[in-house]
Amino acid sequence: MVTYIPKADLIVGRKYRCLARNFEVGVWNGTGFDYMRVKFGHAFPDVEYHYDDGPPYGTVRPLEVVE
């Protein structure tokens, strides 16, 4: 099992290195992680949600703060 930072311990506006489906570094916005997704050669803003939210949407496990 991967040890990750619980949702309650995250700080809004901070960058986190994460295990996620579509990104490695995201910014916690208080609800989910903001990041730039690249799909079919196009980049656009997207959000993925914390693992603590549970399936099927909770896909992100934050591992550490990125300075």
C-alpha atoms as a PDB file:
ATOM      1  CA  MET A   1       0.000   0.000   0.000  1.00  0.00           C
ATOM      2  CA  VAL A   2       1.287   3.456  -0.910  1.00  0.00           C
ATOM      3  CA  THR A   3       1.506   5.941   1.965  1.00  0.00           C
ATOM      4  CA  TYR A   4      -0.019   9.259   0.892  1.00  0.00           C
ATOM      5  CA  ILE A   5      -1.024  12.577   2.439  1.00  0.00           C
ATOM      6  CA  PRO A   6      -4.632  12.523   3.710  1.00  0.00           C
ATOM      7  CA  LYS A   7      -7.058  15.027   2.221  1.00  0.00           C
ATOM      8  CA  ALA A   8      -7.466  16.819   5.583  1.00  0.00           C
ATOM      9  CA  ASP A   9      -3.709  17.599   5.700  1.00  0.00           C
ATOM     10  CA  LEU A  10      -3.456  19.284   2.274  1.00  0.00           C
ATOM     11  CA  ILE A  11      -2.919  23.042   1.894  1.00  0.00           C
ATOM     12  CA  VAL A  12      -4.859  24.985  -0.742  1.00  0.00           C
ATOM     13  CA  GLY A  13      -2.575  26.454  -3.404  1.00  0.00           C
ATOM     14  CA  ARG A  14       0.367  24.120  -2.734  1.00  0.00           C
ATOM     15  CA  LYS A  15       1.902  21.869  -5.388  1.00  0.00           C
ATOM     16  CA  TYR A  16       2.125  18.154  -4.667  1.00  0.00           C
ATOM     17  CA  ARG A  17       3.944  15.290  -6.352  1.00  0.00           C
ATOM     18  CA  CYS A  18       1.266  12.666  -6.880  1.00  0.00           C
ATOM     19  CA  LEU A  19       0.425   9.202  -8.071  1.00  0.00           C
ATOM     20  CA  ALA A  20      -2.416   9.934 -10.486  1.00  0.00           C
ATOM     21  CA  ARG A  21      -3.832   8.798 -13.809  1.00  0.00           C
ATOM     22  CA  ASN A  22      -2.815  11.771 -15.948  1.00  0.00           C
ATOM     23  CA  PHE A  23      -0.200  13.872 -14.118  1.00  0.00           C
ATOM     24  CA  GLU A  24       2.715  13.838 -11.686  1.00  0.00           C
ATOM     25  CA  VAL A  25       2.465  17.334 -10.125  1.00  0.00           C
ATOM     26  CA  GLY A  26      -0.805  19.073  -9.308  1.00  0.00           C
ATOM     27  CA  VAL A  27      -2.050  22.033  -7.264  1.00  0.00           C
ATOM     28  CA  TRP A  28      -4.577  21.345  -4.500  1.00  0.00           C
ATOM     29  CA  ASN A  29      -7.582  23.694  -4.898  1.00  0.00           C
ATOM     30  CA  GLY A  30      -9.481  22.539  -1.811  1.00  0.00           C
ATOM     31  CA  THR A  31     -11.645  20.107  -3.769  1.00  0.00           C
ATOM     32  CA  GLY A  32      -9.283  18.465  -6.262  1.00  0.00           C
ATOM     33  CA  PHE A  33      -5.921  18.753  -7.994  1.00  0.00           C
ATOM     34  CA  ASP A  34      -5.577  21.228 -10.872  1.00  0.00           C
ATOM     35  CA  TYR A  35      -3.157  20.329 -13.649  1.00  0.00           C
ATOM     36  CA  MET A  36      -2.620  20.762 -17.383  1.00  0.00           C
ATOM     37  CA  ARG A  37      -3.724  17.681 -19.304  1.00  0.00           C
ATOM     38  CA  VAL A  38      -2.334  16.861 -22.733  1.00  0.00           C
ATOM     39  CA  LYS A  39      -4.579  14.764 -24.949  1.00  0.00           C
ATOM     40  CA  PHE A  40      -4.315  14.259 -28.701  1.00  0.00           C
ATOM     41  CA  GLY A  41      -1.661  16.981 -28.856  1.00  0.00           C
ATOM     42  CA  HIS A  42      -3.769  19.622 -27.076  1.00  0.00           C
ATOM     43  CA  ALA A  43      -3.179  20.963 -23.551  1.00  0.00           C
ATOM     44  CA  PHE A  44      -6.097  22.039 -21.375  1.00  0.00           C
ATOM     45  CA  PRO A  45      -6.770  22.565 -17.644  1.00  0.00           C
ATOM     46  CA  ASP A  46      -8.277  19.585 -15.837  1.00  0.00           C
ATOM     47  CA  VAL A  47      -9.010  18.363 -12.296  1.00  0.00           C
ATOM     48  CA  GLU A  48      -8.610  14.973 -10.628  1.00  0.00           C
ATOM     49  CA  TYR A  49      -9.836  14.153  -7.131  1.00  0.00           C
ATOM     50  CA  HIS A  50      -8.203  12.815  -3.967  1.00  0.00           C
ATOM     51  CA  TYR A  51      -8.073   9.074  -3.327  1.00  0.00           C
ATOM     52  CA  ASP A  52      -9.987   9.619  -0.055  1.00  0.00           C
ATOM     53  CA  ASP A  53     -13.064  10.573  -2.135  1.00  0.00           C
ATOM     54  CA  GLY A  54     -13.302   6.916  -3.159  1.00  0.00           C
ATOM     55  CA  PRO A  55     -14.216   5.250  -6.433  1.00  0.00           C
ATOM     56  CA  PRO A  56     -14.835   6.006  -9.183  1.00  0.00           C
ATOM     57  CA  TYR A  57     -13.516   9.591  -8.973  1.00  0.00           C
ATOM     58  CA  GLY A  58     -10.857   9.484  -6.251  1.00  0.00           C
ATOM     59  CA  THR A  59      -7.739   8.699  -8.263  1.00  0.00           C
ATOM     60  CA  VAL A  60      -4.968  10.918  -6.813  1.00  0.00           C
ATOM     61  CA  ARG A  61      -2.601   9.988  -3.991  1.00  0.00           C
ATOM     62  CA  PRO A  62      -0.432  13.008  -3.043  1.00  0.00           C
ATOM     63  CA  LEU A  63       3.015  11.941  -1.903  1.00  0.00           C
ATOM     64  CA  GLU A  64       4.906  15.125  -0.995  1.00  0.00           C
ATOM     65  CA  VAL A  65       4.886  18.914  -1.259  1.00  0.00           C
ATOM     66  CA  VAL A  66       6.834  20.350  -4.192  1.00  0.00           C
ATOM     67  CA  GLU A  67       8.764  23.485  -3.202  1.00  0.00           C
END
